[in-house]
Amino acid sequence: MKILVVDDEQDIRSLFEQRFRREIREAKLTFSFCYSGEEALDYLHEHASEAILILSDINMPGMSGLELLRQIRDNSPEPPPLIFMITAYGDPEKQHEAMRLGANDFLNKPLDFNALKQKLSILV
């Protein structure tokens, strides 16, 4: 399963690579990383329909995760990717907005990687 992680925090890559080391080694999961909404849109344009799941932070400088979600849903290839939104804030208003825009799930920071692995195991 190909997963695109979108987060402005540069250390997110090493966190995912550590937590999913076995799954990456066994080629069950592959990850790509973008550090802004704009970079994610460029990536998706060049790699249309590669990403099956997108994990996107909501609060990023420039294009927010909510705007990225809206643009992906408006222009996504078929079948559309699953999109899980991630935020450091338990803000019910942003969660409601994300769901309204078509998010498939909502995760809070700090990420509970065991819970994320469980969600992913259902998808694999």
PDB file of N, CA and C in Angstrom:
ATOM      1  N   MET A   1       0.848  -1.179   0.000  1.00  0.00           N
ATOM      2  CA  MET A   1       0.000   0.000   0.000  1.00  0.00           C
ATOM      3  C   MET A   1       0.889   1.236   0.000  1.00  0.00           C
ATOM      4  N   LYS A   2       0.593   2.166  -0.896  1.00  0.00           N
ATOM      5  CA  LYS A   2       1.346   3.414  -1.016  1.00  0.00           C
ATOM      6  C   LYS A   2       0.664   4.489  -0.172  1.00  0.00           C
ATOM      7  N   ILE A   3       1.435   5.112   0.733  1.00  0.00           N
ATOM      8  CA  ILE A   3       0.908   6.139   1.620  1.00  0.00           C
ATOM      9  C   ILE A   3       1.697   7.423   1.429  1.00  0.00           C
ATOM     10  N   LEU A   4       0.976   8.522   1.245  1.00  0.00           N
ATOM     11  CA  LEU A   4       1.586   9.837   1.172  1.00  0.00           C
ATOM     12  C   LEU A   4       1.330  10.544   2.497  1.00  0.00           C
ATOM     13  N   VAL A   5       2.411  10.978   3.146  1.00  0.00           N
ATOM     14  CA  VAL A   5       2.319  11.702   4.406  1.00  0.00           C
ATOM     15  C   VAL A   5       2.630  13.167   4.119  1.00  0.00           C
ATOM     16  N   VAL A   6       1.713  14.051   4.521  1.00  0.00           N
ATOM     17  CA  VAL A   6       1.884  15.484   4.282  1.00  0.00           C
ATOM     18  C   VAL A   6       1.913  16.190   5.639  1.00  0.00           C
ATOM     19  N   ASP A   7       3.067  16.752   5.975  1.00  0.00           N
ATOM     20  CA  ASP A   7       3.235  17.413   7.266  1.00  0.00           C
ATOM     21  C   ASP A   7       4.415  18.354   7.161  1.00  0.00           C
ATOM     22  N   ASP A   8       4.289  19.558   7.711  1.00  0.00           N
ATOM     23  CA  ASP A   8       5.376  20.528   7.623  1.00  0.00           C
ATOM     24  C   ASP A   8       6.516  20.232   8.595  1.00  0.00           C
ATOM     25  N   GLU A   9       6.352  19.278   9.505  1.00  0.00           N
ATOM     26  CA  GLU A   9       7.419  18.917  10.442  1.00  0.00           C
ATOM     27  C   GLU A   9       8.367  17.933   9.754  1.00  0.00           C
ATOM     28  N   GLN A  10       9.625  18.346   9.605  1.00  0.00           N
ATOM     29  CA  GLN A  10      10.610  17.549   8.867  1.00  0.00           C
ATOM     30  C   GLN A  10      10.895  16.201   9.522  1.00  0.00           C
ATOM     31  N   ASP A  11      10.775  16.111  10.861  1.00  0.00           N
ATOM     32  CA  ASP A  11      11.112  14.861  11.546  1.00  0.00           C
ATOM     33  C   ASP A  11      10.035  13.784  11.406  1.00  0.00           C
ATOM     34  N   ILE A  12       8.935  14.096  10.739  1.00  0.00           N
ATOM     35  CA  ILE A  12       7.858  13.128  10.584  1.00  0.00           C
ATOM     36  C   ILE A  12       8.334  11.907   9.785  1.00  0.00           C
ATOM     37  N   ARG A  13       9.226  12.138   8.833  1.00  0.00           N
ATOM     38  CA  ARG A  13       9.735  11.034   8.004  1.00  0.00           C
ATOM     39  C   ARG A  13      10.438   9.986   8.863  1.00  0.00           C
ATOM     40  N   SER A  14      11.364  10.431   9.725  1.00  0.00           N
ATOM     41  CA  SER A  14      12.098   9.462  10.543  1.00  0.00           C
ATOM     42  C   SER A  14      11.170   8.740  11.520  1.00  0.00           C
ATOM     43  N   LEU A  15      10.157   9.436  12.034  1.00  0.00           N
ATOM     44  CA  LEU A  15       9.182   8.790  12.917  1.00  0.00           C
ATOM     45  C   LEU A  15       8.458   7.647  12.203  1.00  0.00           C
ATOM     46  N   PHE A  16       7.941   7.915  11.023  1.00  0.00           N
ATOM     47  CA  PHE A  16       7.232   6.887  10.264  1.00  0.00           C
ATOM     48  C   PHE A  16       8.162   5.745   9.866  1.00  0.00           C
ATOM     49  N   GLU A  17       9.383   6.079   9.459  1.00  0.00           N
ATOM     50  CA  GLU A  17      10.321   5.034   9.042  1.00  0.00           C
ATOM     51  C   GLU A  17      10.718   4.147  10.212  1.00  0.00           C
ATOM     52  N   GLN A  18      10.796   4.710  11.422  1.00  0.00           N
ATOM     53  CA  GLN A  18      11.095   3.905  12.609  1.00  0.00           C
ATOM     54  C   GLN A  18       9.898   3.042  13.001  1.00  0.00           C
ATOM     55  N   ARG A  19       8.718   3.645  13.057  1.00  0.00           N
ATOM     56  CA  ARG A  19       7.527   2.939  13.534  1.00  0.00           C
ATOM     57  C   ARG A  19       7.016   1.874  12.566  1.00  0.00           C
ATOM     58  N   PHE A  20       7.312   2.039  11.275  1.00  0.00           N
ATOM     59  CA  PHE A  20       6.831   1.087  10.266  1.00  0.00           C
ATOM     60  C   PHE A  20       7.998   0.346   9.599  1.00  0.00           C
ATOM     61  N   ARG A  21       9.095   0.216  10.317  1.00  0.00           N
ATOM     62  CA  ARG A  21      10.303  -0.415   9.779  1.00  0.00           C
ATOM     63  C   ARG A  21      10.005  -1.801   9.206  1.00  0.00           C
ATOM     64  N   ARG A  22       9.317  -2.635   9.957  1.00  0.00           N
ATOM     65  CA  ARG A  22       9.031  -4.007   9.518  1.00  0.00           C
ATOM     66  C   ARG A  22       8.148  -3.996   8.272  1.00  0.00           C
ATOM     67  N   GLU A  23       7.089  -3.195   8.285  1.00  0.00           N
ATOM     68  CA  GLU A  23       6.161  -3.140   7.150  1.00  0.00           C
ATOM     69  C   GLU A  23       6.853  -2.628   5.885  1.00  0.00           C
ATOM     70  N   ILE A  24       7.777  -1.687   6.054  1.00  0.00           N
ATOM     71  CA  ILE A  24       8.535  -1.158   4.914  1.00  0.00           C
ATOM     72  C   ILE A  24       9.491  -2.238   4.388  1.00  0.00           C
ATOM     73  N   ARG A  25      10.207  -2.890   5.298  1.00  0.00           N
ATOM     74  CA  ARG A  25      11.153  -3.936   4.905  1.00  0.00           C
ATOM     75  C   ARG A  25      10.451  -5.084   4.182  1.00  0.00           C
ATOM     76  N   GLU A  26       9.247  -5.440   4.658  1.00  0.00           N
ATOM     77  CA  GLU A  26       8.485  -6.533   4.048  1.00  0.00           C
ATOM     78  C   GLU A  26       7.679  -6.075   2.826  1.00  0.00           C
ATOM     79  N   ALA A  27       7.842  -4.803   2.453  1.00  0.00           N
ATOM     80  CA  ALA A  27       7.171  -4.202   1.287  1.00  0.00           C
ATOM     81  C   ALA A  27       5.649  -4.241   1.395  1.00  0.00           C
ATOM     82  N   LYS A  28       5.137  -4.240   2.621  1.00  0.00           N
ATOM     83  CA  LYS A  28       3.687  -4.150   2.822  1.00  0.00           C
ATOM     84  C   LYS A  28       3.216  -2.710   2.672  1.00  0.00           C
ATOM     85  N   LEU A  29       4.080  -1.770   3.074  1.00  0.00           N
ATOM     86  CA  LEU A  29       3.762  -0.344   2.980  1.00  0.00           C
ATOM     87  C   LEU A  29       4.934   0.388   2.357  1.00  0.00           C
ATOM     88  N   THR A  30       4.620   1.378   1.534  1.00  0.00           N
ATOM     89  CA  THR A  30       5.641   2.307   1.052  1.00  0.00           C
ATOM     90  C   THR A  30       5.148   3.713   1.354  1.00  0.00           C
ATOM     91  N   PHE A  31       6.075   4.561   1.737  1.00  0.00           N
ATOM     92  CA  PHE A  31       5.736   5.927   2.125  1.00  0.00           C
ATOM     93  C   PHE A  31       6.433   6.928   1.218  1.00  0.00           C
ATOM     94  N   SER A  32       5.725   8.003   0.923  1.00  0.00           N
ATOM     95  CA  SER A  32       6.304   9.197   0.320  1.00  0.00           C
ATOM     96  C   SER A  32       5.963  10.342   1.265  1.00  0.00           C
ATOM     97  N   PHE A  33       6.806  11.368   1.267  1.00  0.00           N
ATOM     98  CA  PHE A  33       6.612  12.471   2.199  1.00  0.00           C
ATOM     99  C   PHE A  33       6.640  13.802   1.469  1.00  0.00           C
ATOM    100  N   CYS A  34       5.690  14.666   1.800  1.00  0.00           N
ATOM    101  CA  CYS A  34       5.663  16.033   1.303  1.00  0.00           C
ATOM    102  C   CYS A  34       5.543  16.937   2.524  1.00  0.00           C
ATOM    103  N   TYR A  35       6.142  18.123   2.434  1.00  0.00           N
ATOM    104  CA  TYR A  35       6.213  18.998   3.597  1.00  0.00           C
ATOM    105  C   TYR A  35       5.346  20.242   3.472  1.00  0.00           C
ATOM    106  N   SER A  36       4.451  20.244   2.473  1.00  0.00           N
ATOM    107  CA  SER A  36       3.484  21.334   2.335  1.00  0.00           C
ATOM    108  C   SER A  36       2.332  20.841   1.466  1.00  0.00           C
ATOM    109  N   GLY A  37       1.222  21.539   1.549  1.00  0.00           N
ATOM    110  CA  GLY A  37       0.081  21.207   0.712  1.00  0.00           C
ATOM    111  C   GLY A  37       0.398  21.385  -0.763  1.00  0.00           C
ATOM    112  N   GLU A  38       1.127  22.451  -1.070  1.00  0.00           N
ATOM    113  CA  GLU A  38       1.487  22.716  -2.463  1.00  0.00           C
ATOM    114  C   GLU A  38       2.366  21.590  -3.021  1.00  0.00           C
ATOM    115  N   GLU A  39       3.341  21.150  -2.231  1.00  0.00           N
ATOM    116  CA  GLU A  39       4.223  20.059  -2.651  1.00  0.00           C
ATOM    117  C   GLU A  39       3.412  18.768  -2.842  1.00  0.00           C
ATOM    118  N   ALA A  40       2.436  18.536  -1.979  1.00  0.00           N
ATOM    119  CA  ALA A  40       1.592  17.342  -2.092  1.00  0.00           C
ATOM    120  C   ALA A  40       0.784  17.361  -3.382  1.00  0.00           C
ATOM    121  N   LEU A  41       0.234  18.524  -3.744  1.00  0.00           N
ATOM    122  CA  LEU A  41      -0.533  18.615  -4.994  1.00  0.00           C
ATOM    123  C   LEU A  41       0.366  18.345  -6.198  1.00  0.00           C
ATOM    124  N   ASP A  42       1.585  18.883  -6.173  1.00  0.00           N
ATOM    125  CA  ASP A  42       2.533  18.620  -7.257  1.00  0.00           C
ATOM    126  C   ASP A  42       2.844  17.128  -7.338  1.00  0.00           C
ATOM    127  N   TYR A  43       3.086  16.517  -6.184  1.00  0.00           N
ATOM    128  CA  TYR A  43       3.378  15.082  -6.141  1.00  0.00           C
ATOM    129  C   TYR A  43       2.206  14.285  -6.722  1.00  0.00           C
ATOM    130  N   LEU A  44       1.004  14.600  -6.284  1.00  0.00           N
ATOM    131  CA  LEU A  44      -0.175  13.870  -6.753  1.00  0.00           C
ATOM    132  C   LEU A  44      -0.417  14.074  -8.248  1.00  0.00           C
ATOM    133  N   HIS A  45      -0.085  15.266  -8.742  1.00  0.00           N
ATOM    134  CA  HIS A  45      -0.226  15.531 -10.178  1.00  0.00           C
ATOM    135  C   HIS A  45       0.729  14.639 -10.983  1.00  0.00           C
ATOM    136  N   GLU A  46       1.960  14.487 -10.472  1.00  0.00           N
ATOM    137  CA  GLU A  46       2.974  13.692 -11.170  1.00  0.00           C
ATOM    138  C   GLU A  46       2.785  12.191 -10.964  1.00  0.00           C
ATOM    139  N   HIS A  47       2.155  11.810  -9.856  1.00  0.00           N
ATOM    140  CA  HIS A  47       1.995  10.391  -9.518  1.00  0.00           C
ATOM    141  C   HIS A  47       0.513  10.070  -9.349  1.00  0.00           C
ATOM    142  N   ALA A  48      -0.280  10.456 -10.303  1.00  0.00           N
ATOM    143  CA  ALA A  48      -1.730  10.266 -10.227  1.00  0.00           C
ATOM    144  C   ALA A  48      -2.076   8.818  -9.920  1.00  0.00           C
ATOM    145  N   SER A  49      -2.959   8.647  -8.993  1.00  0.00           N
ATOM    146  CA  SER A  49      -3.523   7.363  -8.551  1.00  0.00           C
ATOM    147  C   SER A  49      -2.502   6.407  -7.928  1.00  0.00           C
ATOM    148  N   GLU A  50      -1.296   6.872  -7.607  1.00  0.00           N
ATOM    149  CA  GLU A  50      -0.330   6.014  -6.903  1.00  0.00           C
ATOM    150  C   GLU A  50      -0.675   5.908  -5.422  1.00  0.00           C
ATOM    151  N   ALA A  51      -0.983   7.040  -4.796  1.00  0.00           N
ATOM    152  CA  ALA A  51      -1.248   7.046  -3.357  1.00  0.00           C
ATOM    153  C   ALA A  51      -2.648   6.497  -3.093  1.00  0.00           C
ATOM    154  N   ILE A  52      -2.702   5.462  -2.294  1.00  0.00           N
ATOM    155  CA  ILE A  52      -3.979   4.866  -1.906  1.00  0.00           C
ATOM    156  C   ILE A  52      -4.517   5.570  -0.661  1.00  0.00           C
ATOM    157  N   LEU A  53      -3.581   6.008   0.198  1.00  0.00           N
ATOM    158  CA  LEU A  53      -3.950   6.674   1.440  1.00  0.00           C
ATOM    159  C   LEU A  53      -3.094   7.918   1.602  1.00  0.00           C
ATOM    160  N   ILE A  54      -3.731   9.000   2.012  1.00  0.00           N
ATOM    161  CA  ILE A  54      -3.019  10.241   2.301  1.00  0.00           C
ATOM    162  C   ILE A  54      -3.251  10.561   3.768  1.00  0.00           C
ATOM    163  N   LEU A  55      -2.169  10.801   4.506  1.00  0.00           N
ATOM    164  CA  LEU A  55      -2.236  11.260   5.887  1.00  0.00           C
ATOM    165  C   LEU A  55      -1.775  12.707   5.867  1.00  0.00           C
ATOM    166  N   SER A  56      -2.663  13.633   6.173  1.00  0.00           N
ATOM    167  CA  SER A  56      -2.311  15.043   6.061  1.00  0.00           C
ATOM    168  C   SER A  56      -2.559  15.794   7.356  1.00  0.00           C
ATOM    169  N   ASP A  57      -1.549  16.556   7.758  1.00  0.00           N
ATOM    170  CA  ASP A  57      -1.691  17.484   8.870  1.00  0.00           C
ATOM    171  C   ASP A  57      -2.686  18.565   8.449  1.00  0.00           C
ATOM    172  N   ILE A  58      -3.447  19.084   9.389  1.00  0.00           N
ATOM    173  CA  ILE A  58      -4.381  20.165   9.078  1.00  0.00           C
ATOM    174  C   ILE A  58      -3.681  21.511   9.137  1.00  0.00           C
ATOM    175  N   ASN A  59      -2.891  21.735  10.186  1.00  0.00           N
ATOM    176  CA  ASN A  59      -2.273  23.047  10.411  1.00  0.00           C
ATOM    177  C   ASN A  59      -0.874  23.099   9.823  1.00  0.00           C
ATOM    178  N   MET A  60      -0.787  23.701   8.620  1.00  0.00           N
ATOM    179  CA  MET A  60       0.502  23.871   7.952  1.00  0.00           C
ATOM    180  C   MET A  60       0.566  25.303   7.424  1.00  0.00           C
ATOM    181  N   PRO A  61       1.771  25.858   7.355  1.00  0.00           N
ATOM    182  CA  PRO A  61       1.896  27.187   6.749  1.00  0.00           C
ATOM    183  C   PRO A  61       1.551  27.114   5.267  1.00  0.00           C
ATOM    184  N   GLY A  62       1.102  28.222   4.709  1.00  0.00           N
ATOM    185  CA  GLY A  62       0.689  28.211   3.305  1.00  0.00           C
ATOM    186  C   GLY A  62      -0.649  27.516   3.191  1.00  0.00           C
ATOM    187  N   MET A  63      -0.721  26.536   2.320  1.00  0.00           N
ATOM    188  CA  MET A  63      -1.966  25.802   2.118  1.00  0.00           C
ATOM    189  C   MET A  63      -2.238  24.886   3.316  1.00  0.00           C
ATOM    190  N   SER A  64      -3.389  25.060   3.934  1.00  0.00           N
ATOM    191  CA  SER A  64      -3.744  24.205   5.073  1.00  0.00           C
ATOM    192  C   SER A  64      -4.112  22.807   4.586  1.00  0.00           C
ATOM    193  N   GLY A  65      -4.132  21.869   5.507  1.00  0.00           N
ATOM    194  CA  GLY A  65      -4.558  20.520   5.170  1.00  0.00           C
ATOM    195  C   GLY A  65      -6.004  20.473   4.712  1.00  0.00           C
ATOM    196  N   LEU A  66      -6.840  21.368   5.250  1.00  0.00           N
ATOM    197  CA  LEU A  66      -8.243  21.406   4.822  1.00  0.00           C
ATOM    198  C   LEU A  66      -8.367  21.863   3.367  1.00  0.00           C
ATOM    199  N   GLU A  67      -7.559  22.848   2.978  1.00  0.00           N
ATOM    200  CA  GLU A  67      -7.565  23.300   1.581  1.00  0.00           C
ATOM    201  C   GLU A  67      -7.015  22.200   0.674  1.00  0.00           C
ATOM    202  N   LEU A  68      -5.966  21.503   1.124  1.00  0.00           N
ATOM    203  CA  LEU A  68      -5.428  20.376   0.364  1.00  0.00           C
ATOM    204  C   LEU A  68      -6.504  19.311   0.186  1.00  0.00           C
ATOM    205  N   LEU A  69      -7.211  18.983   1.247  1.00  0.00           N
ATOM    206  CA  LEU A  69      -8.294  17.999   1.190  1.00  0.00           C
ATOM    207  C   LEU A  69      -9.344  18.415   0.170  1.00  0.00           C
ATOM    208  N   ARG A  70      -9.756  19.683   0.215  1.00  0.00           N
ATOM    209  CA  ARG A  70     -10.764  20.177  -0.724  1.00  0.00           C
ATOM    210  C   ARG A  70     -10.289  20.026  -2.170  1.00  0.00           C
ATOM    211  N   GLN A  71      -9.044  20.413  -2.414  1.00  0.00           N
ATOM    212  CA  GLN A  71      -8.525  20.332  -3.787  1.00  0.00           C
ATOM    213  C   GLN A  71      -8.384  18.890  -4.267  1.00  0.00           C
ATOM    214  N   ILE A  72      -7.968  17.996  -3.386  1.00  0.00           N
ATOM    215  CA  ILE A  72      -7.853  16.585  -3.776  1.00  0.00           C
ATOM    216  C   ILE A  72      -9.235  16.032  -4.093  1.00  0.00           C
ATOM    217  N   ARG A  73     -10.208  16.325  -3.250  1.00  0.00           N
ATOM    218  CA  ARG A  73     -11.561  15.807  -3.472  1.00  0.00           C
ATOM    219  C   ARG A  73     -12.178  16.394  -4.747  1.00  0.00           C
ATOM    220  N   ASP A  74     -11.858  17.649  -5.051  1.00  0.00           N
ATOM    221  CA  ASP A  74     -12.398  18.275  -6.263  1.00  0.00           C
ATOM    222  C   ASP A  74     -11.757  17.734  -7.534  1.00  0.00           C
ATOM    223  N   ASN A  75     -10.508  17.284  -7.446  1.00  0.00           N
ATOM    224  CA  ASN A  75      -9.750  16.906  -8.650  1.00  0.00           C
ATOM    225  C   ASN A  75      -9.170  15.508  -8.595  1.00  0.00           C
ATOM    226  N   SER A  76      -9.662  14.650  -7.721  1.00  0.00           N
ATOM    227  CA  SER A  76      -8.982  13.372  -7.526  1.00  0.00           C
ATOM    228  C   SER A  76      -9.298  12.374  -8.635  1.00  0.00           C
ATOM    229  N   PRO A  77      -8.294  11.520  -8.901  1.00  0.00           N
ATOM    230  CA  PRO A  77      -8.501  10.479  -9.905  1.00  0.00           C
ATOM    231  C   PRO A  77      -9.438   9.408  -9.348  1.00  0.00           C
ATOM    232  N   GLU A  78      -9.888   8.546 -10.209  1.00  0.00           N
ATOM    233  CA  GLU A  78     -10.721   7.420  -9.768  1.00  0.00           C
ATOM    234  C   GLU A  78      -9.843   6.179  -9.657  1.00  0.00           C
ATOM    235  N   PRO A  79      -9.933   5.405  -8.640  1.00  0.00           N
ATOM    236  CA  PRO A  79     -10.711   5.668  -7.434  1.00  0.00           C
ATOM    237  C   PRO A  79     -10.012   6.719  -6.586  1.00  0.00           C
ATOM    238  N   PRO A  80     -10.764   7.519  -5.849  1.00  0.00           N
ATOM    239  CA  PRO A  80     -10.141   8.552  -5.025  1.00  0.00           C
ATOM    240  C   PRO A  80      -9.375   7.930  -3.858  1.00  0.00           C
ATOM    241  N   PRO A  81      -8.303   8.587  -3.418  1.00  0.00           N
ATOM    242  CA  PRO A  81      -7.553   8.056  -2.282  1.00  0.00           C
ATOM    243  C   PRO A  81      -8.338   8.232  -0.980  1.00  0.00           C
ATOM    244  N   LEU A  82      -8.019   7.396  -0.008  1.00  0.00           N
ATOM    245  CA  LEU A  82      -8.522   7.617   1.347  1.00  0.00           C
ATOM    246  C   LEU A  82      -7.697   8.747   1.947  1.00  0.00           C
ATOM    247  N   ILE A  83      -8.319   9.592   2.743  1.00  0.00           N
ATOM    248  CA  ILE A  83      -7.597  10.706   3.349  1.00  0.00           C
ATOM    249  C   ILE A  83      -7.906  10.746   4.839  1.00  0.00           C
ATOM    250  N   PHE A  84      -6.843  10.621   5.644  1.00  0.00           N
ATOM    251  CA  PHE A  84      -6.939  10.756   7.098  1.00  0.00           C
ATOM    252  C   PHE A  84      -6.305  12.098   7.455  1.00  0.00           C
ATOM    253  N   MET A  85      -7.041  12.933   8.163  1.00  0.00           N
ATOM    254  CA  MET A  85      -6.532  14.234   8.582  1.00  0.00           C
ATOM    255  C   MET A  85      -5.928  14.124   9.982  1.00  0.00           C
ATOM    256  N   ILE A  86      -4.819  14.839  10.189  1.00  0.00           N
ATOM    257  CA  ILE A  86      -4.089  14.788  11.453  1.00  0.00           C
ATOM    258  C   ILE A  86      -3.948  16.202  12.000  1.00  0.00           C
ATOM    259  N   THR A  87      -4.187  16.371  13.310  1.00  0.00           N
ATOM    260  CA  THR A  87      -3.998  17.676  13.926  1.00  0.00           C
ATOM    261  C   THR A  87      -3.521  17.540  15.362  1.00  0.00           C
ATOM    262  N   ALA A  88      -2.801  18.548  15.810  1.00  0.00           N
ATOM    263  CA  ALA A  88      -2.335  18.578  17.200  1.00  0.00           C
ATOM    264  C   ALA A  88      -3.420  19.114  18.121  1.00  0.00           C
ATOM    265  N   TYR A  89      -4.479  19.582  17.551  1.00  0.00           N
ATOM    266  CA  TYR A  89      -5.534  20.204  18.344  1.00  0.00           C
ATOM    267  C   TYR A  89      -6.801  19.367  18.264  1.00  0.00           C
ATOM    268  N   GLY A  90      -7.400  19.083  19.411  1.00  0.00           N
ATOM    269  CA  GLY A  90      -8.661  18.355  19.426  1.00  0.00           C
ATOM    270  C   GLY A  90      -9.798  19.316  19.146  1.00  0.00           C
ATOM    271  N   ASP A  91      -9.758  19.948  17.995  1.00  0.00           N
ATOM    272  CA  ASP A  91     -10.705  20.995  17.627  1.00  0.00           C
ATOM    273  C   ASP A  91     -11.895  20.379  16.896  1.00  0.00           C
ATOM    274  N   PRO A  92     -13.052  20.255  17.582  1.00  0.00           N
ATOM    275  CA  PRO A  92     -14.205  19.626  16.929  1.00  0.00           C
ATOM    276  C   PRO A  92     -14.680  20.379  15.689  1.00  0.00           C
ATOM    277  N   GLU A  93     -14.469  21.684  15.654  1.00  0.00           N
ATOM    278  CA  GLU A  93     -14.880  22.471  14.490  1.00  0.00           C
ATOM    279  C   GLU A  93     -14.069  22.068  13.247  1.00  0.00           C
ATOM    280  N   LYS A  94     -12.747  21.918  13.419  1.00  0.00           N
ATOM    281  CA  LYS A  94     -11.903  21.503  12.292  1.00  0.00           C
ATOM    282  C   LYS A  94     -12.183  20.058  11.909  1.00  0.00           C
ATOM    283  N   GLN A  95     -12.472  19.231  12.897  1.00  0.00           N
ATOM    284  CA  GLN A  95     -12.806  17.837  12.599  1.00  0.00           C
ATOM    285  C   GLN A  95     -14.099  17.777  11.781  1.00  0.00           C
ATOM    286  N   HIS A  96     -15.086  18.552  12.166  1.00  0.00           N
ATOM    287  CA  HIS A  96     -16.351  18.585  11.431  1.00  0.00           C
ATOM    288  C   HIS A  96     -16.124  19.084  10.005  1.00  0.00           C
ATOM    289  N   GLU A  97     -15.316  20.126   9.863  1.00  0.00           N
ATOM    290  CA  GLU A  97     -15.008  20.676   8.540  1.00  0.00           C
ATOM    291  C   GLU A  97     -14.286  19.639   7.673  1.00  0.00           C
ATOM    292  N   ALA A  98     -13.331  18.916   8.275  1.00  0.00           N
ATOM    293  CA  ALA A  98     -12.594  17.893   7.535  1.00  0.00           C
ATOM    294  C   ALA A  98     -13.541  16.794   7.055  1.00  0.00           C
ATOM    295  N   MET A  99     -14.438  16.369   7.908  1.00  0.00           N
ATOM    296  CA  MET A  99     -15.391  15.321   7.513  1.00  0.00           C
ATOM    297  C   MET A  99     -16.333  15.834   6.426  1.00  0.00           C
ATOM    298  N   ARG A 100     -16.754  17.096   6.545  1.00  0.00           N
ATOM    299  CA  ARG A 100     -17.631  17.689   5.543  1.00  0.00           C
ATOM    300  C   ARG A 100     -16.955  17.750   4.175  1.00  0.00           C
ATOM    301  N   LEU A 101     -15.640  17.983   4.185  1.00  0.00           N
ATOM    302  CA  LEU A 101     -14.880  18.073   2.939  1.00  0.00           C
ATOM    303  C   LEU A 101     -14.509  16.702   2.368  1.00  0.00           C
ATOM    304  N   GLY A 102     -14.828  15.640   3.095  1.00  0.00           N
ATOM    305  CA  GLY A 102     -14.602  14.308   2.546  1.00  0.00           C
ATOM    306  C   GLY A 102     -13.488  13.502   3.178  1.00  0.00           C
ATOM    307  N   ALA A 103     -13.022  13.901   4.377  1.00  0.00           N
ATOM    308  CA  ALA A 103     -12.010  13.095   5.066  1.00  0.00           C
ATOM    309  C   ALA A 103     -12.616  11.747   5.448  1.00  0.00           C
ATOM    310  N   ASN A 104     -11.809  10.721   5.359  1.00  0.00           N
ATOM    311  CA  ASN A 104     -12.269   9.386   5.724  1.00  0.00           C
ATOM    312  C   ASN A 104     -12.076   9.074   7.198  1.00  0.00           C
ATOM    313  N   ASP A 105     -11.136   9.768   7.836  1.00  0.00           N
ATOM    314  CA  ASP A 105     -10.876   9.549   9.256  1.00  0.00           C
ATOM    315  C   ASP A 105     -10.119  10.760   9.782  1.00  0.00           C
ATOM    316  N   PHE A 106      -9.974  10.807  11.096  1.00  0.00           N
ATOM    317  CA  PHE A 106      -9.371  11.954  11.755  1.00  0.00           C
ATOM    318  C   PHE A 106      -8.480  11.434  12.871  1.00  0.00           C
ATOM    319  N   LEU A 107      -7.208  11.850  12.899  1.00  0.00           N
ATOM    320  CA  LEU A 107      -6.242  11.405  13.899  1.00  0.00           C
ATOM    321  C   LEU A 107      -5.692  12.605  14.652  1.00  0.00           C
ATOM    322  N   ASN A 108      -5.372  12.407  15.929  1.00  0.00           N
ATOM    323  CA  ASN A 108      -4.800  13.482  16.743  1.00  0.00           C
ATOM    324  C   ASN A 108      -3.310  13.256  16.949  1.00  0.00           C
ATOM    325  N   LYS A 109      -2.581  14.374  17.073  1.00  0.00           N
ATOM    326  CA  LYS A 109      -1.168  14.330  17.447  1.00  0.00           C
ATOM    327  C   LYS A 109      -1.084  14.445  18.960  1.00  0.00           C
ATOM    328  N   PRO A 110      -0.121  13.834  19.615  1.00  0.00           N
ATOM    329  CA  PRO A 110       0.848  12.949  18.981  1.00  0.00           C
ATOM    330  C   PRO A 110       0.159  11.691  18.469  1.00  0.00           C
ATOM    331  N   LEU A 111       0.630  11.229  17.318  1.00  0.00           N
ATOM    332  CA  LEU A 111       0.021  10.056  16.690  1.00  0.00           C
ATOM    333  C   LEU A 111       0.177   8.823  17.557  1.00  0.00           C
ATOM    334  N   ASP A 112      -0.899   8.078  17.681  1.00  0.00           N
ATOM    335  CA  ASP A 112      -0.863   6.773  18.315  1.00  0.00           C
ATOM    336  C   ASP A 112      -0.567   5.776  17.183  1.00  0.00           C
ATOM    337  N   PHE A 113       0.712   5.416  17.040  1.00  0.00           N
ATOM    338  CA  PHE A 113       1.113   4.578  15.913  1.00  0.00           C
ATOM    339  C   PHE A 113       0.506   3.179  15.988  1.00  0.00           C
ATOM    340  N   ASN A 114       0.247   2.677  17.194  1.00  0.00           N
ATOM    341  CA  ASN A 114      -0.402   1.364  17.298  1.00  0.00           C
ATOM    342  C   ASN A 114      -1.827   1.423  16.754  1.00  0.00           C
ATOM    343  N   ALA A 115      -2.552   2.479  17.084  1.00  0.00           N
ATOM    344  CA  ALA A 115      -3.909   2.644  16.557  1.00  0.00           C
ATOM    345  C   ALA A 115      -3.867   2.833  15.042  1.00  0.00           C
ATOM    346  N   LEU A 116      -2.900   3.606  14.550  1.00  0.00           N
ATOM    347  CA  LEU A 116      -2.762   3.807  13.104  1.00  0.00           C
ATOM    348  C   LEU A 116      -2.462   2.480  12.412  1.00  0.00           C
ATOM    349  N   LYS A 117      -1.565   1.677  12.989  1.00  0.00           N
ATOM    350  CA  LYS A 117      -1.249   0.370  12.407  1.00  0.00           C
ATOM    351  C   LYS A 117      -2.491  -0.502  12.341  1.00  0.00           C
ATOM    352  N   GLN A 118      -3.338  -0.445  13.369  1.00  0.00           N
ATOM    353  CA  GLN A 118      -4.570  -1.228  13.353  1.00  0.00           C
ATOM    354  C   GLN A 118      -5.471  -0.782  12.208  1.00  0.00           C
ATOM    355  N   LYS A 119      -5.624   0.523  12.041  1.00  0.00           N
ATOM    356  CA  LYS A 119      -6.449   1.048  10.949  1.00  0.00           C
ATOM    357  C   LYS A 119      -5.893   0.613   9.600  1.00  0.00           C
ATOM    358  N   LEU A 120      -4.575   0.670   9.459  1.00  0.00           N
ATOM    359  CA  LEU A 120      -3.935   0.300   8.198  1.00  0.00           C
ATOM    360  C   LEU A 120      -4.052  -1.192   7.923  1.00  0.00           C
ATOM    361  N   SER A 121      -4.012  -2.010   8.974  1.00  0.00           N
ATOM    362  CA  SER A 121      -4.106  -3.468   8.765  1.00  0.00           C
ATOM    363  C   SER A 121      -5.441  -3.856   8.157  1.00  0.00           C
ATOM    364  N   ILE A 122      -6.475  -3.075   8.432  1.00  0.00           N
ATOM    365  CA  ILE A 122      -7.792  -3.336   7.851  1.00  0.00           C
ATOM    366  C   ILE A 122      -7.772  -3.024   6.352  1.00  0.00           C
ATOM    367  N   LEU A 123      -6.966  -2.036   5.966  1.00  0.00           N
ATOM    368  CA  LEU A 123      -6.915  -1.596   4.574  1.00  0.00           C
ATOM    369  C   LEU A 123      -6.016  -2.451   3.688  1.00  0.00           C
ATOM    370  N   VAL A 124      -4.999  -3.076   4.294  1.00  0.00           N
ATOM    371  CA  VAL A 124      -4.002  -3.819   3.509  1.00  0.00           C
ATOM    372  C   VAL A 124      -4.578  -5.103   2.964  1.00  0.00           C
TER     373      VAL A 124
END
